[in-house]
N, C-alpha and C. Protein backbone atom coordinates (compact mmCIF):
# COMPACT_ATOMS: atom_id res chain seq x y z
N MET A 1 0.84 -1.18 0.00
CA MET A 1 0.00 0.00 0.00
C MET A 1 0.88 1.24 0.00
N ILE A 2 0.48 2.24 -0.76
CA ILE A 2 1.24 3.49 -0.84
C ILE A 2 0.93 4.34 0.38
N PRO A 3 1.96 4.87 1.06
CA PRO A 3 1.70 5.69 2.25
C PRO A 3 0.97 6.99 1.90
N ALA A 4 0.15 7.45 2.83
CA ALA A 4 -0.65 8.66 2.62
C ALA A 4 0.21 9.87 2.32
N TRP A 5 1.35 10.00 3.01
CA TRP A 5 2.21 11.17 2.78
C TRP A 5 2.70 11.22 1.35
N LEU A 6 2.95 10.05 0.74
CA LEU A 6 3.42 10.00 -0.63
C LEU A 6 2.29 10.36 -1.60
N ILE A 7 1.11 9.86 -1.34
CA ILE A 7 -0.04 10.20 -2.20
C ILE A 7 -0.31 11.70 -2.14
N ILE A 8 -0.26 12.29 -0.94
CA ILE A 8 -0.49 13.73 -0.79
C ILE A 8 0.59 14.50 -1.55
N GLY A 9 1.84 14.10 -1.41
CA GLY A 9 2.93 14.78 -2.12
C GLY A 9 2.81 14.68 -3.63
N ILE A 10 2.53 13.48 -4.12
CA ILE A 10 2.38 13.28 -5.56
C ILE A 10 1.19 14.08 -6.09
N SER A 11 0.09 14.08 -5.35
CA SER A 11 -1.09 14.85 -5.77
C SER A 11 -0.76 16.33 -5.87
N ALA A 12 -0.02 16.84 -4.90
CA ALA A 12 0.35 18.26 -4.90
C ALA A 12 1.20 18.59 -6.13
N VAL A 13 2.16 17.73 -6.44
CA VAL A 13 3.02 17.96 -7.61
C VAL A 13 2.20 17.89 -8.90
N LEU A 14 1.32 16.91 -9.00
CA LEU A 14 0.50 16.76 -10.21
C LEU A 14 -0.42 17.97 -10.41
N ILE A 15 -0.98 18.49 -9.33
CA ILE A 15 -1.82 19.69 -9.44
C ILE A 15 -0.98 20.85 -9.97
N GLY A 16 0.21 21.03 -9.42
CA GLY A 16 1.07 22.13 -9.85
C GLY A 16 1.48 22.01 -11.31
N VAL A 17 1.94 20.84 -11.71
CA VAL A 17 2.36 20.62 -13.09
C VAL A 17 1.17 20.76 -14.03
N GLY A 18 0.05 20.19 -13.64
CA GLY A 18 -1.15 20.26 -14.48
C GLY A 18 -1.62 21.69 -14.71
N LEU A 19 -1.63 22.49 -13.66
CA LEU A 19 -2.05 23.88 -13.81
C LEU A 19 -1.13 24.65 -14.76
N ASN A 20 0.16 24.47 -14.60
CA ASN A 20 1.09 25.18 -15.47
C ASN A 20 0.98 24.73 -16.92
N LYS A 21 0.73 23.44 -17.14
CA LYS A 21 0.57 22.93 -18.50
C LYS A 21 -0.74 23.43 -19.11
N LEU A 22 -1.81 23.43 -18.31
CA LEU A 22 -3.12 23.86 -18.81
C LEU A 22 -3.19 25.36 -19.09
N ILE A 23 -2.67 26.15 -18.17
CA ILE A 23 -2.86 27.59 -18.25
C ILE A 23 -1.65 28.28 -18.88
N GLY A 24 -0.46 27.91 -18.47
CA GLY A 24 0.74 28.59 -18.98
C GLY A 24 0.73 30.06 -18.59
N GLY A 25 1.41 30.86 -19.32
CA GLY A 25 1.42 32.30 -19.04
C GLY A 25 2.77 32.90 -19.37
N ASP A 26 2.75 34.20 -19.61
CA ASP A 26 3.94 34.94 -20.01
C ASP A 26 4.64 35.48 -18.76
N GLN A 27 5.51 34.67 -18.18
CA GLN A 27 6.20 35.11 -16.96
C GLN A 27 7.21 36.21 -17.25
N HIS A 28 7.65 36.34 -18.50
CA HIS A 28 8.56 37.44 -18.84
C HIS A 28 7.87 38.78 -18.58
N TRP A 29 6.57 38.83 -18.86
CA TRP A 29 5.79 40.04 -18.58
C TRP A 29 5.90 40.40 -17.10
N PHE A 30 5.72 39.40 -16.24
CA PHE A 30 5.74 39.65 -14.80
C PHE A 30 7.12 40.13 -14.34
N PHE A 31 8.17 39.53 -14.86
CA PHE A 31 9.52 39.86 -14.39
C PHE A 31 9.97 41.25 -14.84
N ARG A 32 9.34 41.81 -15.86
CA ARG A 32 9.73 43.15 -16.30
C ARG A 32 9.01 44.26 -15.53
N LEU A 33 8.02 43.90 -14.70
CA LEU A 33 7.25 44.89 -13.96
C LEU A 33 8.07 45.53 -12.86
N ARG A 34 7.73 46.78 -12.53
CA ARG A 34 8.38 47.47 -11.41
C ARG A 34 7.85 46.90 -10.10
N ARG A 35 8.73 46.85 -9.11
CA ARG A 35 8.38 46.34 -7.78
C ARG A 35 8.56 47.44 -6.75
N PRO A 36 7.89 47.31 -5.59
CA PRO A 36 8.09 48.31 -4.53
C PRO A 36 9.56 48.33 -4.08
N ALA A 37 10.05 49.50 -3.74
CA ALA A 37 11.44 49.65 -3.31
C ALA A 37 11.73 48.83 -2.06
N TRP A 38 10.73 48.64 -1.21
CA TRP A 38 10.92 47.91 0.05
C TRP A 38 10.96 46.39 -0.15
N LEU A 39 10.71 45.93 -1.37
CA LEU A 39 10.70 44.49 -1.64
C LEU A 39 12.14 44.00 -1.86
N THR A 40 12.87 43.91 -0.77
CA THR A 40 14.28 43.53 -0.83
C THR A 40 14.49 42.02 -0.65
N PHE A 41 13.43 41.30 -0.36
CA PHE A 41 13.52 39.87 -0.04
C PHE A 41 12.97 38.99 -1.15
N GLU A 42 12.88 39.53 -2.37
CA GLU A 42 12.27 38.78 -3.46
C GLU A 42 13.00 37.46 -3.73
N GLY A 43 14.30 37.42 -3.52
CA GLY A 43 15.05 36.19 -3.73
C GLY A 43 14.66 35.08 -2.76
N ALA A 44 14.11 35.46 -1.61
CA ALA A 44 13.70 34.46 -0.60
C ALA A 44 12.30 33.91 -0.85
N ILE A 45 11.56 34.53 -1.75
CA ILE A 45 10.16 34.13 -1.96
C ILE A 45 10.03 32.66 -2.38
N PRO A 46 10.85 32.14 -3.28
CA PRO A 46 10.72 30.70 -3.59
C PRO A 46 10.92 29.80 -2.37
N ILE A 47 11.87 30.15 -1.50
CA ILE A 47 12.12 29.35 -0.30
C ILE A 47 10.92 29.46 0.64
N ILE A 48 10.35 30.65 0.73
CA ILE A 48 9.16 30.84 1.57
C ILE A 48 8.03 29.95 1.07
N TRP A 49 7.78 29.96 -0.25
CA TRP A 49 6.69 29.15 -0.80
C TRP A 49 6.95 27.66 -0.66
N ILE A 50 8.19 27.24 -0.86
CA ILE A 50 8.50 25.81 -0.67
C ILE A 50 8.18 25.41 0.77
N SER A 51 8.57 26.24 1.72
CA SER A 51 8.27 25.96 3.14
C SER A 51 6.77 25.91 3.39
N ILE A 52 6.04 26.83 2.78
CA ILE A 52 4.58 26.86 2.95
C ILE A 52 3.95 25.58 2.38
N PHE A 53 4.41 25.15 1.20
CA PHE A 53 3.84 23.94 0.61
C PHE A 53 4.19 22.70 1.42
N ILE A 54 5.39 22.64 1.97
CA ILE A 54 5.75 21.50 2.82
C ILE A 54 4.85 21.49 4.06
N ALA A 55 4.69 22.65 4.69
CA ALA A 55 3.82 22.73 5.88
C ALA A 55 2.38 22.39 5.52
N GLY A 56 1.91 22.85 4.36
CA GLY A 56 0.54 22.53 3.93
C GLY A 56 0.35 21.05 3.68
N GLY A 57 1.33 20.42 3.04
CA GLY A 57 1.25 18.97 2.83
C GLY A 57 1.28 18.21 4.14
N TRP A 58 2.10 18.67 5.05
CA TRP A 58 2.19 18.05 6.38
C TRP A 58 0.87 18.23 7.12
N SER A 59 0.25 19.39 6.94
CA SER A 59 -1.06 19.65 7.56
C SER A 59 -2.10 18.68 7.00
N ALA A 60 -2.10 18.50 5.68
CA ALA A 60 -3.05 17.56 5.06
C ALA A 60 -2.80 16.14 5.57
N TYR A 61 -1.54 15.76 5.66
CA TYR A 61 -1.20 14.43 6.17
C TYR A 61 -1.69 14.28 7.61
N ASN A 62 -1.52 15.31 8.41
CA ASN A 62 -1.98 15.27 9.80
C ASN A 62 -3.49 15.08 9.87
N ILE A 63 -4.21 15.78 9.02
CA ILE A 63 -5.68 15.61 8.97
C ILE A 63 -6.01 14.18 8.55
N TRP A 64 -5.32 13.67 7.55
CA TRP A 64 -5.59 12.31 7.09
C TRP A 64 -5.38 11.30 8.22
N GLN A 65 -4.33 11.51 9.01
CA GLN A 65 -4.01 10.59 10.09
C GLN A 65 -5.05 10.63 11.22
N THR A 66 -5.78 11.73 11.35
CA THR A 66 -6.77 11.82 12.44
C THR A 66 -7.95 10.88 12.20
N ALA A 67 -8.36 10.72 10.94
CA ALA A 67 -9.50 9.84 10.63
C ALA A 67 -9.38 9.38 9.18
N PRO A 68 -8.46 8.48 8.89
CA PRO A 68 -8.21 8.08 7.50
C PRO A 68 -9.44 7.53 6.80
N GLY A 69 -9.68 8.04 5.60
CA GLY A 69 -10.71 7.49 4.73
C GLY A 69 -12.14 7.85 5.06
N THR A 70 -12.37 8.65 6.10
CA THR A 70 -13.76 9.02 6.43
C THR A 70 -14.24 10.09 5.46
N PRO A 71 -15.57 10.21 5.30
CA PRO A 71 -16.09 11.25 4.41
C PRO A 71 -15.60 12.66 4.79
N GLN A 72 -15.54 12.96 6.08
CA GLN A 72 -15.07 14.28 6.51
C GLN A 72 -13.61 14.50 6.08
N THR A 73 -12.79 13.48 6.20
CA THR A 73 -11.39 13.60 5.81
C THR A 73 -11.27 13.81 4.31
N TRP A 74 -12.09 13.12 3.52
CA TRP A 74 -12.07 13.33 2.07
C TRP A 74 -12.49 14.75 1.72
N ILE A 75 -13.44 15.31 2.46
CA ILE A 75 -13.83 16.71 2.23
C ILE A 75 -12.66 17.63 2.54
N PHE A 76 -11.96 17.34 3.63
CA PHE A 76 -10.76 18.13 3.94
C PHE A 76 -9.73 18.01 2.81
N MET A 77 -9.51 16.81 2.29
CA MET A 77 -8.52 16.63 1.23
C MET A 77 -8.92 17.44 -0.01
N ALA A 78 -10.21 17.46 -0.30
CA ALA A 78 -10.69 18.28 -1.43
C ALA A 78 -10.43 19.76 -1.16
N ALA A 79 -10.64 20.19 0.07
CA ALA A 79 -10.40 21.59 0.43
C ALA A 79 -8.91 21.92 0.29
N TYR A 80 -8.03 21.01 0.72
CA TYR A 80 -6.60 21.24 0.55
C TYR A 80 -6.25 21.36 -0.94
N ALA A 81 -6.86 20.51 -1.77
CA ALA A 81 -6.61 20.57 -3.22
C ALA A 81 -7.09 21.90 -3.80
N ILE A 82 -8.27 22.34 -3.38
CA ILE A 82 -8.79 23.62 -3.86
C ILE A 82 -7.87 24.76 -3.45
N LEU A 83 -7.41 24.72 -2.21
CA LEU A 83 -6.49 25.76 -1.74
C LEU A 83 -5.21 25.76 -2.57
N GLU A 84 -4.68 24.59 -2.85
CA GLU A 84 -3.47 24.54 -3.66
C GLU A 84 -3.73 25.08 -5.06
N ILE A 85 -4.88 24.75 -5.63
CA ILE A 85 -5.21 25.27 -6.96
C ILE A 85 -5.29 26.79 -6.92
N LEU A 86 -5.92 27.35 -5.89
CA LEU A 86 -5.99 28.80 -5.77
C LEU A 86 -4.60 29.42 -5.64
N ILE A 87 -3.75 28.81 -4.84
CA ILE A 87 -2.39 29.33 -4.66
C ILE A 87 -1.61 29.28 -5.98
N LEU A 88 -1.66 28.13 -6.62
CA LEU A 88 -0.86 27.93 -7.83
C LEU A 88 -1.46 28.59 -9.07
N ALA A 89 -2.74 28.93 -9.04
CA ALA A 89 -3.37 29.60 -10.18
C ALA A 89 -2.91 31.05 -10.30
N TYR A 90 -2.44 31.62 -9.21
CA TYR A 90 -2.04 33.03 -9.17
C TYR A 90 -1.12 33.39 -10.33
N THR A 91 0.01 32.74 -10.43
CA THR A 91 1.01 33.13 -11.43
C THR A 91 0.56 32.86 -12.86
N PRO A 92 0.14 31.63 -13.20
CA PRO A 92 -0.19 31.41 -14.61
C PRO A 92 -1.39 32.23 -15.11
N ILE A 93 -2.42 32.37 -14.29
CA ILE A 93 -3.59 33.15 -14.74
C ILE A 93 -3.24 34.62 -14.83
N MET A 94 -2.57 35.17 -13.81
CA MET A 94 -2.19 36.57 -13.84
C MET A 94 -1.28 36.84 -15.05
N CYS A 95 -0.33 35.97 -15.30
CA CYS A 95 0.59 36.18 -16.41
C CYS A 95 -0.08 35.96 -17.77
N ARG A 96 -0.98 35.02 -17.85
CA ARG A 96 -1.68 34.81 -19.12
C ARG A 96 -2.55 36.02 -19.46
N LEU A 97 -3.25 36.54 -18.46
CA LEU A 97 -4.13 37.69 -18.68
C LEU A 97 -3.38 39.03 -18.58
N LYS A 98 -2.13 38.97 -18.13
CA LYS A 98 -1.30 40.17 -17.94
C LYS A 98 -2.05 41.22 -17.13
N SER A 99 -2.53 40.77 -15.97
CA SER A 99 -3.34 41.63 -15.12
C SER A 99 -2.96 41.46 -13.65
N LEU A 100 -2.38 42.50 -13.09
CA LEU A 100 -2.06 42.49 -11.66
C LEU A 100 -3.33 42.50 -10.82
N ARG A 101 -4.39 43.09 -11.33
CA ARG A 101 -5.67 43.10 -10.60
C ARG A 101 -6.17 41.67 -10.42
N ILE A 102 -6.10 40.88 -11.48
CA ILE A 102 -6.51 39.47 -11.39
C ILE A 102 -5.63 38.74 -10.37
N GLY A 103 -4.32 39.01 -10.37
CA GLY A 103 -3.43 38.40 -9.39
C GLY A 103 -3.81 38.76 -7.97
N THR A 104 -4.16 40.03 -7.76
CA THR A 104 -4.57 40.48 -6.43
C THR A 104 -5.86 39.78 -6.01
N ILE A 105 -6.79 39.64 -6.92
CA ILE A 105 -8.07 38.98 -6.61
C ILE A 105 -7.84 37.50 -6.28
N ILE A 106 -7.01 36.84 -7.07
CA ILE A 106 -6.72 35.43 -6.81
C ILE A 106 -6.02 35.27 -5.47
N GLY A 107 -5.05 36.14 -5.19
CA GLY A 107 -4.34 36.08 -3.91
C GLY A 107 -5.27 36.26 -2.73
N ALA A 108 -6.16 37.25 -2.82
CA ALA A 108 -7.11 37.50 -1.73
C ALA A 108 -8.10 36.34 -1.59
N THR A 109 -8.55 35.81 -2.71
CA THR A 109 -9.49 34.68 -2.67
C THR A 109 -8.84 33.48 -1.98
N GLY A 110 -7.59 33.20 -2.33
CA GLY A 110 -6.88 32.09 -1.70
C GLY A 110 -6.74 32.30 -0.20
N PHE A 111 -6.42 33.53 0.20
CA PHE A 111 -6.29 33.81 1.63
C PHE A 111 -7.60 33.56 2.36
N PHE A 112 -8.69 34.11 1.85
CA PHE A 112 -9.97 33.97 2.56
C PHE A 112 -10.47 32.52 2.55
N PHE A 113 -10.23 31.81 1.45
CA PHE A 113 -10.58 30.39 1.43
C PHE A 113 -9.74 29.64 2.47
N GLY A 114 -8.43 29.92 2.49
CA GLY A 114 -7.54 29.27 3.45
C GLY A 114 -7.89 29.60 4.89
N LEU A 115 -8.29 30.83 5.14
CA LEU A 115 -8.69 31.23 6.48
C LEU A 115 -9.93 30.46 6.93
N GLY A 116 -10.93 30.40 6.07
CA GLY A 116 -12.14 29.64 6.40
C GLY A 116 -11.86 28.17 6.59
N MET A 117 -11.06 27.62 5.71
CA MET A 117 -10.71 26.21 5.80
C MET A 117 -9.95 25.92 7.10
N SER A 118 -9.04 26.82 7.45
CA SER A 118 -8.22 26.59 8.64
C SER A 118 -9.06 26.57 9.91
N LEU A 119 -10.16 27.30 9.92
CA LEU A 119 -11.04 27.28 11.10
C LEU A 119 -11.67 25.91 11.29
N PHE A 120 -12.04 25.26 10.18
CA PHE A 120 -12.57 23.90 10.25
C PHE A 120 -11.47 22.90 10.58
N VAL A 121 -10.30 23.12 9.99
CA VAL A 121 -9.16 22.24 10.26
C VAL A 121 -8.82 22.26 11.75
N PHE A 122 -8.87 23.44 12.36
CA PHE A 122 -8.53 23.57 13.78
C PHE A 122 -9.39 22.65 14.64
N GLN A 123 -10.68 22.55 14.28
CA GLN A 123 -11.58 21.70 15.05
C GLN A 123 -11.19 20.23 14.94
N ALA A 124 -10.64 19.84 13.80
CA ALA A 124 -10.25 18.44 13.61
C ALA A 124 -8.86 18.16 14.15
N SER A 125 -7.95 19.14 14.02
CA SER A 125 -6.57 18.94 14.47
C SER A 125 -5.88 20.29 14.64
N PRO A 126 -5.68 20.72 15.88
CA PRO A 126 -4.96 21.98 16.10
C PRO A 126 -3.56 21.97 15.46
N THR A 127 -2.90 20.82 15.45
CA THR A 127 -1.57 20.74 14.82
C THR A 127 -1.66 21.06 13.34
N ALA A 128 -2.67 20.51 12.65
CA ALA A 128 -2.85 20.78 11.23
C ALA A 128 -3.12 22.26 11.00
N PHE A 129 -3.86 22.88 11.91
CA PHE A 129 -4.11 24.32 11.82
C PHE A 129 -2.80 25.10 11.89
N TRP A 130 -1.96 24.79 12.88
CA TRP A 130 -0.70 25.53 13.05
C TRP A 130 0.20 25.37 11.83
N LEU A 131 0.10 24.24 11.16
CA LEU A 131 0.89 24.04 9.95
C LEU A 131 0.38 24.88 8.77
N LEU A 132 -0.87 25.33 8.84
CA LEU A 132 -1.41 26.24 7.82
C LEU A 132 -1.07 27.70 8.11
N LEU A 133 -0.65 27.97 9.32
CA LEU A 133 -0.38 29.36 9.73
C LEU A 133 0.66 30.07 8.86
N PRO A 134 1.74 29.41 8.44
CA PRO A 134 2.68 30.13 7.55
C PRO A 134 2.00 30.67 6.30
N TYR A 135 1.10 29.90 5.71
CA TYR A 135 0.36 30.39 4.54
C TYR A 135 -0.52 31.58 4.92
N LEU A 136 -1.22 31.46 6.04
CA LEU A 136 -2.12 32.54 6.45
C LEU A 136 -1.35 33.83 6.77
N LEU A 137 -0.12 33.71 7.18
CA LEU A 137 0.70 34.90 7.45
C LEU A 137 1.32 35.46 6.18
N TRP A 138 1.74 34.59 5.28
CA TRP A 138 2.43 35.04 4.07
C TRP A 138 1.47 35.52 2.98
N SER A 139 0.35 34.87 2.81
CA SER A 139 -0.56 35.18 1.72
C SER A 139 -0.96 36.66 1.67
N PRO A 140 -1.32 37.28 2.78
CA PRO A 140 -1.65 38.71 2.70
C PRO A 140 -0.45 39.57 2.28
N ILE A 141 0.76 39.15 2.64
CA ILE A 141 1.95 39.91 2.23
C ILE A 141 2.10 39.82 0.71
N GLY A 142 1.99 38.61 0.18
CA GLY A 142 2.10 38.43 -1.27
C GLY A 142 1.01 39.19 -2.02
N THR A 143 -0.19 39.16 -1.49
CA THR A 143 -1.29 39.88 -2.12
C THR A 143 -1.05 41.39 -2.05
N PHE A 144 -0.53 41.86 -0.93
CA PHE A 144 -0.22 43.29 -0.79
C PHE A 144 0.88 43.70 -1.76
N VAL A 145 1.89 42.86 -1.95
CA VAL A 145 2.95 43.16 -2.92
C VAL A 145 2.34 43.32 -4.31
N THR A 146 1.45 42.40 -4.69
CA THR A 146 0.81 42.49 -6.00
C THR A 146 -0.01 43.77 -6.11
N TRP A 147 -0.72 44.11 -5.06
CA TRP A 147 -1.51 45.35 -5.07
C TRP A 147 -0.59 46.56 -5.21
N GLN A 148 0.53 46.56 -4.50
CA GLN A 148 1.51 47.65 -4.62
C GLN A 148 2.06 47.73 -6.04
N MET A 149 2.28 46.58 -6.67
CA MET A 149 2.78 46.56 -8.04
C MET A 149 1.76 47.17 -8.99
N MET A 150 0.47 47.04 -8.67
CA MET A 150 -0.56 47.68 -9.49
C MET A 150 -0.35 49.20 -9.50
N GLN A 151 0.01 49.76 -8.36
CA GLN A 151 0.22 51.20 -8.26
C GLN A 151 1.45 51.64 -9.08
N LEU A 152 2.45 50.78 -9.13
CA LEU A 152 3.69 51.11 -9.83
C LEU A 152 3.64 50.80 -11.32
N ASN A 153 2.68 49.99 -11.74
CA ASN A 153 2.55 49.57 -13.13
C ASN A 153 1.11 49.77 -13.61
N PRO A 154 0.63 51.00 -13.67
CA PRO A 154 -0.79 51.22 -13.99
C PRO A 154 -1.23 50.69 -15.35
N ALA A 155 -0.30 50.53 -16.27
CA ALA A 155 -0.68 49.99 -17.59
C ALA A 155 -0.93 48.49 -17.54
N ASP A 156 -0.52 47.84 -16.44
CA ASP A 156 -0.63 46.38 -16.34
C ASP A 156 -1.64 45.95 -15.29
N VAL A 157 -2.59 46.83 -15.00
CA VAL A 157 -3.62 46.51 -14.02
C VAL A 157 -4.61 45.59 -14.66
C-alpha cells in the first residue's frame, strides 16, 4: 500500500504541473514589472513558498491521520486541493491575462478560502491548523505586494 504522505505529495506535484501545462502564461511580462522599493527579499520568496507547501502537505497528512478514509477527511482533502489550486493559479492566470488586478483577486481569494478552511481544520486537528499558519501569514503579504505593483505599473492593471 502506498503511504498517505506519498499520495499527498504526488497529488500536490500533479496539481502544480497540471495547472502550469493547462494555463501557462507569459512570466517574462511579470519579471519586467516594477516592484516596490521595500521588496528587498524577493530572492527568498521561492524558499518561503517551498516551506509553505511543505507545511501545507504536512497539515493535510496530519488531517488524514486523524481519521483516515472518512467522508469528513475526504472533504478536507478536497479543500486542501482547492487551496493549492488557488495558490498555484495566481502566477499562470495573472501572467496569461497580464493583469495584476486578477493576481490580487486570486491572492485574496486564496487567503480567505484558506482562512475559512483553517477554522474547520482547527476543530479536527490543532496541529494541522498551526501548519497552515505560515500560509495565512504570508498570503496577505504576497497579495499586498501584488496590489503595490498595481500602483507602480498602472498599464498592467
